[in-house]
Amino acid sequence: MVLKIINAALMLVAVFMGLKQGYAMFSGKPEMLEMFGKWGFNKSGLMINGAVTMIAALLILFPKTFVWGNFLMAAGILLIICFHLLDKDFKGVLVELPFLLLNLVIIYLQHPLKKA
């Protein structure tokens, strides 16, 4: 029971972060435009990436789409990590790594409302 509560809290953190970052990308915040711009993303590409991130965050909430949502979010984070590695920006990698691990831990613990 305690594990389900911890997992639900971790899940809500991941959803909140996904929606927050996705909205920042979708709305074209200057920081996001600057970071993704150096990797060749234009405003339209950034908006699509933001929309996919927000959809992935919402998919995490439902047991049937839980794994797909986590997979999409982890793939987006992995993409950012790869871009940081191309730039040899290890600080950026270390910033993104906990978010990737969060999605992997949530997948391991499974959806708290999933029927056994």
N, C-alpha and C. Protein backbone atom coordinates (compact mmCIF):
# COMPACT_ATOMS: atom_id res chain seq x y z
N MET A 1 0.82 -1.19 0.00
CA MET A 1 0.00 0.00 0.00
C MET A 1 0.87 1.27 0.00
N VAL A 2 1.90 1.24 0.83
CA VAL A 2 2.80 2.40 0.89
C VAL A 2 3.51 2.59 -0.44
N LEU A 3 3.88 1.48 -1.08
CA LEU A 3 4.55 1.53 -2.37
C LEU A 3 3.64 2.15 -3.44
N LYS A 4 2.35 1.84 -3.37
CA LYS A 4 1.40 2.43 -4.33
C LYS A 4 1.27 3.94 -4.12
N ILE A 5 1.29 4.37 -2.88
CA ILE A 5 1.21 5.81 -2.59
C ILE A 5 2.46 6.53 -3.08
N ILE A 6 3.61 5.93 -2.84
CA ILE A 6 4.87 6.52 -3.32
C ILE A 6 4.87 6.59 -4.84
N ASN A 7 4.43 5.50 -5.49
CA ASN A 7 4.39 5.48 -6.94
C ASN A 7 3.40 6.51 -7.48
N ALA A 8 2.26 6.66 -6.82
CA ALA A 8 1.29 7.67 -7.26
C ALA A 8 1.88 9.07 -7.15
N ALA A 9 2.62 9.32 -6.08
CA ALA A 9 3.27 10.63 -5.92
C ALA A 9 4.32 10.85 -7.00
N LEU A 10 5.13 9.84 -7.27
CA LEU A 10 6.15 9.94 -8.33
C LEU A 10 5.49 10.16 -9.69
N MET A 11 4.37 9.48 -9.90
CA MET A 11 3.65 9.61 -11.15
C MET A 11 3.12 11.04 -11.33
N LEU A 12 2.57 11.60 -10.28
CA LEU A 12 2.05 12.97 -10.35
C LEU A 12 3.17 13.98 -10.59
N VAL A 13 4.34 13.74 -10.00
CA VAL A 13 5.50 14.60 -10.25
C VAL A 13 5.89 14.54 -11.73
N ALA A 14 5.93 13.32 -12.28
CA ALA A 14 6.30 13.16 -13.68
C ALA A 14 5.27 13.83 -14.60
N VAL A 15 4.00 13.69 -14.27
CA VAL A 15 2.94 14.32 -15.08
C VAL A 15 3.05 15.83 -15.00
N PHE A 16 3.24 16.36 -13.80
CA PHE A 16 3.38 17.80 -13.63
C PHE A 16 4.57 18.34 -14.42
N MET A 17 5.70 17.67 -14.28
CA MET A 17 6.90 18.11 -15.00
C MET A 17 6.71 18.02 -16.52
N GLY A 18 6.07 16.95 -16.98
CA GLY A 18 5.82 16.78 -18.40
C GLY A 18 4.92 17.88 -18.95
N LEU A 19 3.86 18.19 -18.20
CA LEU A 19 2.95 19.25 -18.64
C LEU A 19 3.64 20.62 -18.61
N LYS A 20 4.42 20.86 -17.57
CA LYS A 20 5.11 22.14 -17.43
C LYS A 20 6.13 22.35 -18.55
N GLN A 21 6.98 21.34 -18.77
CA GLN A 21 8.00 21.46 -19.81
C GLN A 21 7.37 21.43 -21.21
N GLY A 22 6.35 20.60 -21.37
CA GLY A 22 5.67 20.54 -22.66
C GLY A 22 5.02 21.86 -23.02
N TYR A 23 4.39 22.50 -22.04
CA TYR A 23 3.77 23.79 -22.30
C TYR A 23 4.84 24.86 -22.60
N ALA A 24 5.96 24.77 -21.91
CA ALA A 24 7.04 25.73 -22.18
C ALA A 24 7.55 25.58 -23.61
N MET A 25 7.63 24.34 -24.08
CA MET A 25 8.06 24.12 -25.47
C MET A 25 6.96 24.55 -26.44
N PHE A 26 5.73 24.18 -26.15
CA PHE A 26 4.62 24.47 -27.05
C PHE A 26 4.40 25.97 -27.21
N SER A 27 4.55 26.71 -26.12
CA SER A 27 4.32 28.15 -26.18
C SER A 27 5.55 28.92 -26.68
N GLY A 28 6.67 28.21 -26.87
CA GLY A 28 7.86 28.84 -27.43
C GLY A 28 8.57 29.78 -26.47
N LYS A 29 8.74 29.35 -25.23
CA LYS A 29 9.49 30.17 -24.25
C LYS A 29 10.89 30.41 -24.79
N PRO A 30 11.43 31.61 -24.55
CA PRO A 30 12.76 31.94 -25.10
C PRO A 30 13.86 30.97 -24.70
N GLU A 31 13.81 30.46 -23.45
CA GLU A 31 14.84 29.53 -23.01
C GLU A 31 14.78 28.25 -23.83
N MET A 32 13.56 27.79 -24.10
CA MET A 32 13.39 26.57 -24.88
C MET A 32 13.81 26.79 -26.34
N LEU A 33 13.43 27.94 -26.89
CA LEU A 33 13.83 28.26 -28.26
C LEU A 33 15.35 28.30 -28.40
N GLU A 34 16.00 28.86 -27.39
CA GLU A 34 17.46 28.95 -27.41
C GLU A 34 18.11 27.56 -27.33
N MET A 35 17.63 26.74 -26.38
CA MET A 35 18.24 25.43 -26.18
C MET A 35 18.01 24.54 -27.40
N PHE A 36 16.77 24.45 -27.86
CA PHE A 36 16.47 23.57 -28.98
C PHE A 36 16.92 24.18 -30.31
N GLY A 37 17.04 25.48 -30.38
CA GLY A 37 17.49 26.14 -31.60
C GLY A 37 18.91 25.75 -31.98
N LYS A 38 19.76 25.56 -30.98
CA LYS A 38 21.15 25.17 -31.28
C LYS A 38 21.23 23.75 -31.82
N TRP A 39 20.13 22.97 -31.66
CA TRP A 39 20.09 21.61 -32.18
C TRP A 39 19.30 21.53 -33.49
N GLY A 40 18.93 22.67 -34.03
CA GLY A 40 18.26 22.70 -35.33
C GLY A 40 16.75 22.66 -35.28
N PHE A 41 16.16 22.80 -34.11
CA PHE A 41 14.70 22.84 -34.02
C PHE A 41 14.21 24.24 -34.33
N ASN A 42 13.21 24.36 -35.18
CA ASN A 42 12.58 25.66 -35.37
C ASN A 42 11.36 25.74 -34.45
N LYS A 43 10.61 26.83 -34.53
CA LYS A 43 9.48 27.01 -33.62
C LYS A 43 8.41 25.94 -33.83
N SER A 44 8.17 25.56 -35.07
CA SER A 44 7.16 24.52 -35.35
C SER A 44 7.60 23.17 -34.78
N GLY A 45 8.85 22.82 -34.96
CA GLY A 45 9.36 21.56 -34.41
C GLY A 45 9.29 21.54 -32.90
N LEU A 46 9.57 22.67 -32.30
CA LEU A 46 9.51 22.78 -30.84
C LEU A 46 8.06 22.65 -30.36
N MET A 47 7.11 23.23 -31.11
CA MET A 47 5.70 23.11 -30.74
C MET A 47 5.24 21.66 -30.83
N ILE A 48 5.67 20.96 -31.86
CA ILE A 48 5.29 19.54 -31.99
C ILE A 48 5.88 18.73 -30.85
N ASN A 49 7.14 18.98 -30.54
CA ASN A 49 7.80 18.28 -29.43
C ASN A 49 7.08 18.57 -28.11
N GLY A 50 6.66 19.81 -27.90
CA GLY A 50 5.92 20.18 -26.70
C GLY A 50 4.57 19.49 -26.63
N ALA A 51 3.87 19.43 -27.77
CA ALA A 51 2.57 18.77 -27.79
C ALA A 51 2.70 17.28 -27.48
N VAL A 52 3.72 16.63 -28.06
CA VAL A 52 3.95 15.21 -27.79
C VAL A 52 4.29 14.99 -26.31
N THR A 53 5.06 15.89 -25.74
CA THR A 53 5.42 15.78 -24.32
C THR A 53 4.18 15.91 -23.43
N MET A 54 3.30 16.87 -23.76
CA MET A 54 2.09 17.03 -22.95
C MET A 54 1.15 15.84 -23.12
N ILE A 55 1.02 15.32 -24.33
CA ILE A 55 0.19 14.13 -24.55
C ILE A 55 0.75 12.94 -23.79
N ALA A 56 2.07 12.77 -23.82
CA ALA A 56 2.71 11.67 -23.09
C ALA A 56 2.43 11.79 -21.59
N ALA A 57 2.50 13.01 -21.07
CA ALA A 57 2.24 13.21 -19.64
C ALA A 57 0.80 12.81 -19.29
N LEU A 58 -0.14 13.15 -20.15
CA LEU A 58 -1.53 12.79 -19.89
C LEU A 58 -1.78 11.29 -20.04
N LEU A 59 -1.07 10.65 -20.95
CA LEU A 59 -1.23 9.21 -21.13
C LEU A 59 -0.78 8.43 -19.90
N ILE A 60 0.15 8.99 -19.13
CA ILE A 60 0.65 8.31 -17.92
C ILE A 60 -0.47 8.12 -16.90
N LEU A 61 -1.45 8.99 -16.91
CA LEU A 61 -2.50 8.95 -15.90
C LEU A 61 -3.42 7.73 -16.01
N PHE A 62 -3.54 7.17 -17.20
CA PHE A 62 -4.50 6.09 -17.42
C PHE A 62 -3.79 4.74 -17.48
N PRO A 63 -4.31 3.73 -16.76
CA PRO A 63 -3.64 2.43 -16.72
C PRO A 63 -3.40 1.79 -18.10
N LYS A 64 -4.34 1.95 -19.03
CA LYS A 64 -4.19 1.31 -20.34
C LYS A 64 -3.12 1.96 -21.20
N THR A 65 -2.84 3.25 -20.98
CA THR A 65 -1.84 3.96 -21.79
C THR A 65 -0.62 4.36 -20.98
N PHE A 66 -0.54 3.82 -19.77
CA PHE A 66 0.52 4.16 -18.83
C PHE A 66 1.92 3.91 -19.41
N VAL A 67 2.14 2.72 -19.95
CA VAL A 67 3.48 2.37 -20.47
C VAL A 67 3.81 3.23 -21.68
N TRP A 68 2.83 3.45 -22.58
CA TRP A 68 3.07 4.27 -23.76
C TRP A 68 3.44 5.71 -23.38
N GLY A 69 2.74 6.25 -22.40
CA GLY A 69 3.05 7.61 -21.95
C GLY A 69 4.44 7.72 -21.38
N ASN A 70 4.81 6.76 -20.54
CA ASN A 70 6.16 6.76 -19.97
C ASN A 70 7.21 6.54 -21.05
N PHE A 71 6.90 5.67 -22.00
CA PHE A 71 7.84 5.42 -23.09
C PHE A 71 8.07 6.68 -23.92
N LEU A 72 7.00 7.38 -24.27
CA LEU A 72 7.14 8.61 -25.05
C LEU A 72 7.92 9.68 -24.29
N MET A 73 7.61 9.81 -23.00
CA MET A 73 8.31 10.81 -22.21
C MET A 73 9.79 10.45 -22.06
N ALA A 74 10.08 9.18 -21.80
CA ALA A 74 11.47 8.74 -21.68
C ALA A 74 12.21 8.92 -23.00
N ALA A 75 11.54 8.67 -24.12
CA ALA A 75 12.17 8.85 -25.42
C ALA A 75 12.51 10.32 -25.67
N GLY A 76 11.62 11.21 -25.28
CA GLY A 76 11.89 12.65 -25.42
C GLY A 76 13.07 13.08 -24.57
N ILE A 77 13.13 12.57 -23.35
CA ILE A 77 14.24 12.90 -22.46
C ILE A 77 15.55 12.32 -23.01
N LEU A 78 15.47 11.11 -23.53
CA LEU A 78 16.66 10.48 -24.11
C LEU A 78 17.15 11.27 -25.32
N LEU A 79 16.24 11.81 -26.10
CA LEU A 79 16.61 12.65 -27.25
C LEU A 79 17.40 13.87 -26.77
N ILE A 80 16.91 14.51 -25.73
CA ILE A 80 17.60 15.69 -25.18
C ILE A 80 18.97 15.30 -24.64
N ILE A 81 19.05 14.15 -23.96
CA ILE A 81 20.34 13.67 -23.44
C ILE A 81 21.32 13.44 -24.58
N CYS A 82 20.85 12.85 -25.68
CA CYS A 82 21.73 12.60 -26.83
C CYS A 82 22.23 13.91 -27.43
N PHE A 83 21.36 14.90 -27.52
CA PHE A 83 21.79 16.20 -28.04
C PHE A 83 22.83 16.83 -27.12
N HIS A 84 22.64 16.71 -25.80
CA HIS A 84 23.63 17.23 -24.85
C HIS A 84 24.96 16.51 -25.02
N LEU A 85 24.91 15.19 -25.25
CA LEU A 85 26.14 14.42 -25.44
C LEU A 85 26.85 14.84 -26.73
N LEU A 86 26.08 15.14 -27.78
CA LEU A 86 26.70 15.62 -29.01
C LEU A 86 27.47 16.93 -28.79
N ASP A 87 26.93 17.77 -27.90
CA ASP A 87 27.58 19.04 -27.57
C ASP A 87 28.65 18.88 -26.50
N LYS A 88 28.83 17.64 -26.01
CA LYS A 88 29.75 17.36 -24.90
C LYS A 88 29.39 18.18 -23.65
N ASP A 89 28.09 18.36 -23.44
CA ASP A 89 27.57 19.11 -22.30
C ASP A 89 27.14 18.10 -21.23
N PHE A 90 28.09 17.65 -20.43
CA PHE A 90 27.80 16.62 -19.45
C PHE A 90 26.96 17.14 -18.29
N LYS A 91 27.03 18.43 -18.03
CA LYS A 91 26.17 19.02 -16.99
C LYS A 91 24.70 18.90 -17.43
N GLY A 92 24.44 19.16 -18.69
CA GLY A 92 23.08 19.02 -19.21
C GLY A 92 22.58 17.59 -19.13
N VAL A 93 23.48 16.63 -19.38
CA VAL A 93 23.13 15.22 -19.27
C VAL A 93 22.77 14.89 -17.83
N LEU A 94 23.57 15.37 -16.90
CA LEU A 94 23.31 15.08 -15.48
C LEU A 94 22.01 15.71 -15.00
N VAL A 95 21.61 16.83 -15.61
CA VAL A 95 20.34 17.46 -15.24
C VAL A 95 19.17 16.61 -15.73
N GLU A 96 19.28 16.04 -16.92
CA GLU A 96 18.19 15.27 -17.51
C GLU A 96 18.10 13.84 -16.99
N LEU A 97 19.20 13.29 -16.54
CA LEU A 97 19.25 11.88 -16.13
C LEU A 97 18.23 11.51 -15.04
N PRO A 98 18.04 12.31 -13.99
CA PRO A 98 17.05 11.93 -12.98
C PRO A 98 15.63 11.83 -13.54
N PHE A 99 15.30 12.64 -14.55
CA PHE A 99 13.97 12.58 -15.13
C PHE A 99 13.78 11.31 -15.94
N LEU A 100 14.83 10.87 -16.63
CA LEU A 100 14.77 9.60 -17.35
C LEU A 100 14.61 8.46 -16.36
N LEU A 101 15.40 8.49 -15.29
CA LEU A 101 15.31 7.43 -14.28
C LEU A 101 13.95 7.42 -13.59
N LEU A 102 13.35 8.60 -13.41
CA LEU A 102 12.02 8.69 -12.81
C LEU A 102 11.01 7.90 -13.64
N ASN A 103 11.04 8.10 -14.95
CA ASN A 103 10.12 7.36 -15.82
C ASN A 103 10.37 5.86 -15.76
N LEU A 104 11.63 5.46 -15.71
CA LEU A 104 11.94 4.03 -15.64
C LEU A 104 11.49 3.41 -14.32
N VAL A 105 11.65 4.14 -13.23
CA VAL A 105 11.19 3.65 -11.92
C VAL A 105 9.68 3.54 -11.89
N ILE A 106 9.00 4.52 -12.46
CA ILE A 106 7.54 4.49 -12.49
C ILE A 106 7.05 3.29 -13.30
N ILE A 107 7.70 3.02 -14.43
CA ILE A 107 7.31 1.84 -15.22
C ILE A 107 7.54 0.57 -14.40
N TYR A 108 8.65 0.49 -13.70
CA TYR A 108 8.95 -0.69 -12.90
C TYR A 108 7.89 -0.91 -11.81
N LEU A 109 7.47 0.18 -11.16
CA LEU A 109 6.50 0.06 -10.08
C LEU A 109 5.07 -0.15 -10.58
N GLN A 110 4.82 0.11 -11.85
CA GLN A 110 3.54 -0.05 -12.51
C GLN A 110 2.51 0.97 -12.00
N HIS A 111 1.40 1.04 -12.73
CA HIS A 111 0.35 2.02 -12.41
C HIS A 111 -0.29 1.65 -11.07
N PRO A 112 -0.46 2.63 -10.16
CA PRO A 112 -1.01 2.31 -8.83
C PRO A 112 -2.45 1.82 -8.86
N LEU A 113 -3.19 2.16 -9.91
CA LEU A 113 -4.59 1.72 -9.98
C LEU A 113 -4.80 0.47 -10.82
N LYS A 114 -3.69 -0.09 -11.30
CA LYS A 114 -3.78 -1.30 -12.13
C LYS A 114 -4.27 -2.47 -11.29
N LYS A 115 -5.21 -3.21 -11.85
CA LYS A 115 -5.74 -4.37 -11.13
C LYS A 115 -4.75 -5.51 -11.21
N ALA A 116 -4.53 -6.17 -10.09
CA ALA A 116 -3.53 -7.24 -10.01
C ALA A 116 -3.93 -8.50 -10.72
